[in-house]
Amino acid sequence: MNYQTPLGRARGLGSAGQGSHEWWRQRVTSVALIPLTFWFACSIALLPGLEYEAVLNWIAAPWNSVLLLFFIILTTYHTLLGLQVVIEDYIHTPWVKILSLVGIRLVFYFLGLAAVYATLRIVFAD
């Protein structure tokens, strides 16, 4: 059963087939972030006094650093996907939409890389 109009079929316009893939990526990252968020909140709450040295030692611990890197990467990616959907749905001027999408990608790639770099620098510090 074909739901396209005859004009749509003639032009070749229709679904790009990307909507369900992006929907699944957003859901998978959100499910993965649930235990990571609980781990992060509980770990930070249990740190004694949140002093600088205690936080550095906590980040430098092997399991904490790996889980923190997963948390940073997934949070950055999940937020990027969510903002992309908002921009695609609510910005209708083509050049503003493209500029916004490129802008948020650059900002979130930079923030994610900066957070990963800072974490790795703490882990591998002498």
C-alpha atoms as a PDB file:
ATOM      1  CA  MET A   1       0.000   0.000   0.000  1.00  0.00           C
ATOM      2  CA  ASN A   2       1.511   3.307  -1.093  1.00  0.00           C
ATOM      3  CA  TYR A   3       0.540   6.442   0.794  1.00  0.00           C
ATOM      4  CA  GLN A   4       2.413   8.930  -1.383  1.00  0.00           C
ATOM      5  CA  THR A   5       0.537  11.305  -3.621  1.00  0.00           C
ATOM      6  CA  PRO A   6       1.085  10.978  -7.362  1.00  0.00           C
ATOM      7  CA  LEU A   7       3.032  14.263  -7.342  1.00  0.00           C
ATOM      8  CA  GLY A   8       5.240  12.987  -4.508  1.00  0.00           C
ATOM      9  CA  ARG A   9       5.971   9.779  -6.416  1.00  0.00           C
ATOM     10  CA  ALA A  10       6.824  11.756  -9.558  1.00  0.00           C
ATOM     11  CA  ARG A  11       9.250  14.001  -7.660  1.00  0.00           C
ATOM     12  CA  GLY A  12      10.706  11.134  -5.662  1.00  0.00           C
ATOM     13  CA  LEU A  13      10.006  12.899  -2.396  1.00  0.00           C
ATOM     14  CA  GLY A  14       9.111  11.004   0.712  1.00  0.00           C
ATOM     15  CA  SER A  15      10.553   9.694   3.903  1.00  0.00           C
ATOM     16  CA  ALA A  16      14.330   9.673   4.082  1.00  0.00           C
ATOM     17  CA  GLY A  17      14.151   6.603   6.319  1.00  0.00           C
ATOM     18  CA  GLN A  18      16.245   8.214   9.067  1.00  0.00           C
ATOM     19  CA  GLY A  19      13.532   8.935  11.622  1.00  0.00           C
ATOM     20  CA  SER A  20      13.303   5.502  13.217  1.00  0.00           C
ATOM     21  CA  HIS A  21      17.104   5.102  13.329  1.00  0.00           C
ATOM     22  CA  GLU A  22      17.523   8.379  15.209  1.00  0.00           C
ATOM     23  CA  TRP A  23      14.614   7.482  17.498  1.00  0.00           C
ATOM     24  CA  TRP A  24      16.300   4.188  18.414  1.00  0.00           C
ATOM     25  CA  ARG A  25      19.664   5.859  19.029  1.00  0.00           C
ATOM     26  CA  GLN A  26      18.015   8.319  21.410  1.00  0.00           C
ATOM     27  CA  ARG A  27      16.242   5.518  23.290  1.00  0.00           C
ATOM     28  CA  VAL A  28      19.343   3.310  23.539  1.00  0.00           C
ATOM     29  CA  THR A  29      21.460   6.154  24.907  1.00  0.00           C
ATOM     30  CA  SER A  30      18.762   7.102  27.403  1.00  0.00           C
ATOM     31  CA  VAL A  31      18.503   3.523  28.685  1.00  0.00           C
ATOM     32  CA  ALA A  32      22.302   3.293  28.962  1.00  0.00           C
ATOM     33  CA  LEU A  33      22.390   6.594  30.855  1.00  0.00           C
ATOM     34  CA  ILE A  34      19.978   5.424  33.584  1.00  0.00           C
ATOM     35  CA  PRO A  35      22.443   3.221  35.505  1.00  0.00           C
ATOM     36  CA  LEU A  36      25.342   5.548  34.706  1.00  0.00           C
ATOM     37  CA  THR A  37      23.470   8.513  36.160  1.00  0.00           C
ATOM     38  CA  PHE A  38      22.645   6.598  39.347  1.00  0.00           C
ATOM     39  CA  TRP A  39      26.282   5.490  39.620  1.00  0.00           C
ATOM     40  CA  PHE A  40      27.549   9.039  39.107  1.00  0.00           C
ATOM     41  CA  ALA A  41      25.117  10.607  41.597  1.00  0.00           C
ATOM     42  CA  CYS A  42      25.787   7.987  44.271  1.00  0.00           C
ATOM     43  CA  SER A  43      29.555   8.142  43.775  1.00  0.00           C
ATOM     44  CA  ILE A  44      29.655  11.924  44.070  1.00  0.00           C
ATOM     45  CA  ALA A  45      27.347  11.860  47.098  1.00  0.00           C
ATOM     46  CA  LEU A  46      29.622   9.374  48.884  1.00  0.00           C
ATOM     47  CA  LEU A  47      32.800  11.395  48.356  1.00  0.00           C
ATOM     48  CA  PRO A  48      33.991  12.851  51.660  1.00  0.00           C
ATOM     49  CA  GLY A  49      33.613  16.625  51.509  1.00  0.00           C
ATOM     50  CA  LEU A  50      34.160  16.887  47.755  1.00  0.00           C
ATOM     51  CA  GLU A  51      37.669  18.170  48.288  1.00  0.00           C
ATOM     52  CA  TYR A  52      39.904  18.679  45.262  1.00  0.00           C
ATOM     53  CA  GLU A  53      42.311  15.843  46.055  1.00  0.00           C
ATOM     54  CA  ALA A  54      39.476  13.427  46.834  1.00  0.00           C
ATOM     55  CA  VAL A  55      37.794  14.147  43.496  1.00  0.00           C
ATOM     56  CA  LEU A  56      41.083  13.764  41.605  1.00  0.00           C
ATOM     57  CA  ASN A  57      41.737  10.427  43.311  1.00  0.00           C
ATOM     58  CA  TRP A  58      38.187   9.316  42.574  1.00  0.00           C
ATOM     59  CA  ILE A  59      38.542  10.164  38.859  1.00  0.00           C
ATOM     60  CA  ALA A  60      41.954   8.472  38.683  1.00  0.00           C
ATOM     61  CA  ALA A  61      40.557   5.147  39.950  1.00  0.00           C
ATOM     62  CA  PRO A  62      40.361   2.716  36.991  1.00  0.00           C
ATOM     63  CA  TRP A  63      36.673   1.767  37.126  1.00  0.00           C
ATOM     64  CA  ASN A  64      35.583   5.296  37.926  1.00  0.00           C
ATOM     65  CA  SER A  65      37.515   6.750  35.003  1.00  0.00           C
ATOM     66  CA  VAL A  66      36.086   4.227  32.522  1.00  0.00           C
ATOM     67  CA  LEU A  67      32.522   4.736  33.722  1.00  0.00           C
ATOM     68  CA  LEU A  68      33.010   8.508  33.786  1.00  0.00           C
ATOM     69  CA  LEU A  69      34.222   8.467  30.181  1.00  0.00           C
ATOM     70  CA  PHE A  70      31.169   6.427  29.141  1.00  0.00           C
ATOM     71  CA  PHE A  71      28.954   8.862  31.047  1.00  0.00           C
ATOM     72  CA  ILE A  72      30.530  11.894  29.348  1.00  0.00           C
ATOM     73  CA  ILE A  73      30.356  10.424  25.852  1.00  0.00           C
ATOM     74  CA  LEU A  74      26.788   9.133  26.168  1.00  0.00           C
ATOM     75  CA  THR A  75      25.504  12.320  27.793  1.00  0.00           C
ATOM     76  CA  THR A  76      27.064  14.475  25.096  1.00  0.00           C
ATOM     77  CA  TYR A  77      25.728  12.287  22.289  1.00  0.00           C
ATOM     78  CA  HIS A  78      22.242  11.976  23.813  1.00  0.00           C
ATOM     79  CA  THR A  79      21.981  15.738  24.285  1.00  0.00           C
ATOM     80  CA  LEU A  80      23.179  16.347  20.740  1.00  0.00           C
ATOM     81  CA  LEU A  81      20.512  14.001  19.361  1.00  0.00           C
ATOM     82  CA  GLY A  82      17.793  15.695  21.403  1.00  0.00           C
ATOM     83  CA  LEU A  83      18.775  19.209  20.331  1.00  0.00           C
ATOM     84  CA  GLN A  84      19.006  18.088  16.723  1.00  0.00           C
ATOM     85  CA  VAL A  85      15.402  16.865  16.833  1.00  0.00           C
ATOM     86  CA  VAL A  86      14.239  20.129  18.398  1.00  0.00           C
ATOM     87  CA  ILE A  87      16.016  22.198  15.735  1.00  0.00           C
ATOM     88  CA  GLU A  88      14.707  20.031  12.891  1.00  0.00           C
ATOM     89  CA  ASP A  89      11.150  20.239  14.216  1.00  0.00           C
ATOM     90  CA  TYR A  90      10.908  23.905  15.151  1.00  0.00           C
ATOM     91  CA  ILE A  91      13.240  25.879  12.880  1.00  0.00           C
ATOM     92  CA  HIS A  92      11.762  26.227   9.423  1.00  0.00           C
ATOM     93  CA  THR A  93      14.135  28.611   7.645  1.00  0.00           C
ATOM     94  CA  PRO A  94      16.592  26.348   5.782  1.00  0.00           C
ATOM     95  CA  TRP A  95      19.784  28.391   6.283  1.00  0.00           C
ATOM     96  CA  VAL A  96      19.060  28.956   9.975  1.00  0.00           C
ATOM     97  CA  LYS A  97      18.364  25.239  10.434  1.00  0.00           C
ATOM     98  CA  ILE A  98      21.629  24.201   8.744  1.00  0.00           C
ATOM     99  CA  LEU A  99      23.646  26.813  10.628  1.00  0.00           C
ATOM    100  CA  SER A 100      22.069  25.728  13.923  1.00  0.00           C
ATOM    101  CA  LEU A 101      22.722  22.039  13.278  1.00  0.00           C
ATOM    102  CA  VAL A 102      26.352  22.671  12.360  1.00  0.00           C
ATOM    103  CA  GLY A 103      26.740  24.996  15.345  1.00  0.00           C
ATOM    104  CA  ILE A 104      25.420  22.554  17.937  1.00  0.00           C
ATOM    105  CA  ARG A 105      27.522  19.746  16.481  1.00  0.00           C
ATOM    106  CA  LEU A 106      30.673  21.847  16.747  1.00  0.00           C
ATOM    107  CA  VAL A 107      29.846  22.991  20.279  1.00  0.00           C
ATOM    108  CA  PHE A 108      29.007  19.512  21.563  1.00  0.00           C
ATOM    109  CA  TYR A 109      31.975  17.849  19.854  1.00  0.00           C
ATOM    110  CA  PHE A 110      34.229  20.447  21.466  1.00  0.00           C
ATOM    111  CA  LEU A 111      32.623  20.031  24.902  1.00  0.00           C
ATOM    112  CA  GLY A 112      32.770  16.246  24.717  1.00  0.00           C
ATOM    113  CA  LEU A 113      36.386  16.204  23.593  1.00  0.00           C
ATOM    114  CA  ALA A 114      37.355  18.728  26.264  1.00  0.00           C
ATOM    115  CA  ALA A 115      35.709  16.625  28.991  1.00  0.00           C
ATOM    116  CA  VAL A 116      37.319  13.410  27.721  1.00  0.00           C
ATOM    117  CA  TYR A 117      40.706  15.140  27.490  1.00  0.00           C
ATOM    118  CA  ALA A 118      40.401  16.512  31.037  1.00  0.00           C
ATOM    119  CA  THR A 119      39.478  13.091  32.383  1.00  0.00           C
ATOM    120  CA  LEU A 120      42.311  11.333  30.568  1.00  0.00           C
ATOM    121  CA  ARG A 121      44.763  13.982  31.703  1.00  0.00           C
ATOM    122  CA  ILE A 122      43.802  13.325  35.327  1.00  0.00           C
ATOM    123  CA  VAL A 123      44.015   9.566  34.831  1.00  0.00           C
ATOM    124  CA  PHE A 124      47.443   9.644  33.198  1.00  0.00           C
ATOM    125  CA  ALA A 125      48.940  12.415  35.336  1.00  0.00           C
ATOM    126  CA  ASP A 126      52.283  11.608  36.951  1.00  0.00           C
END
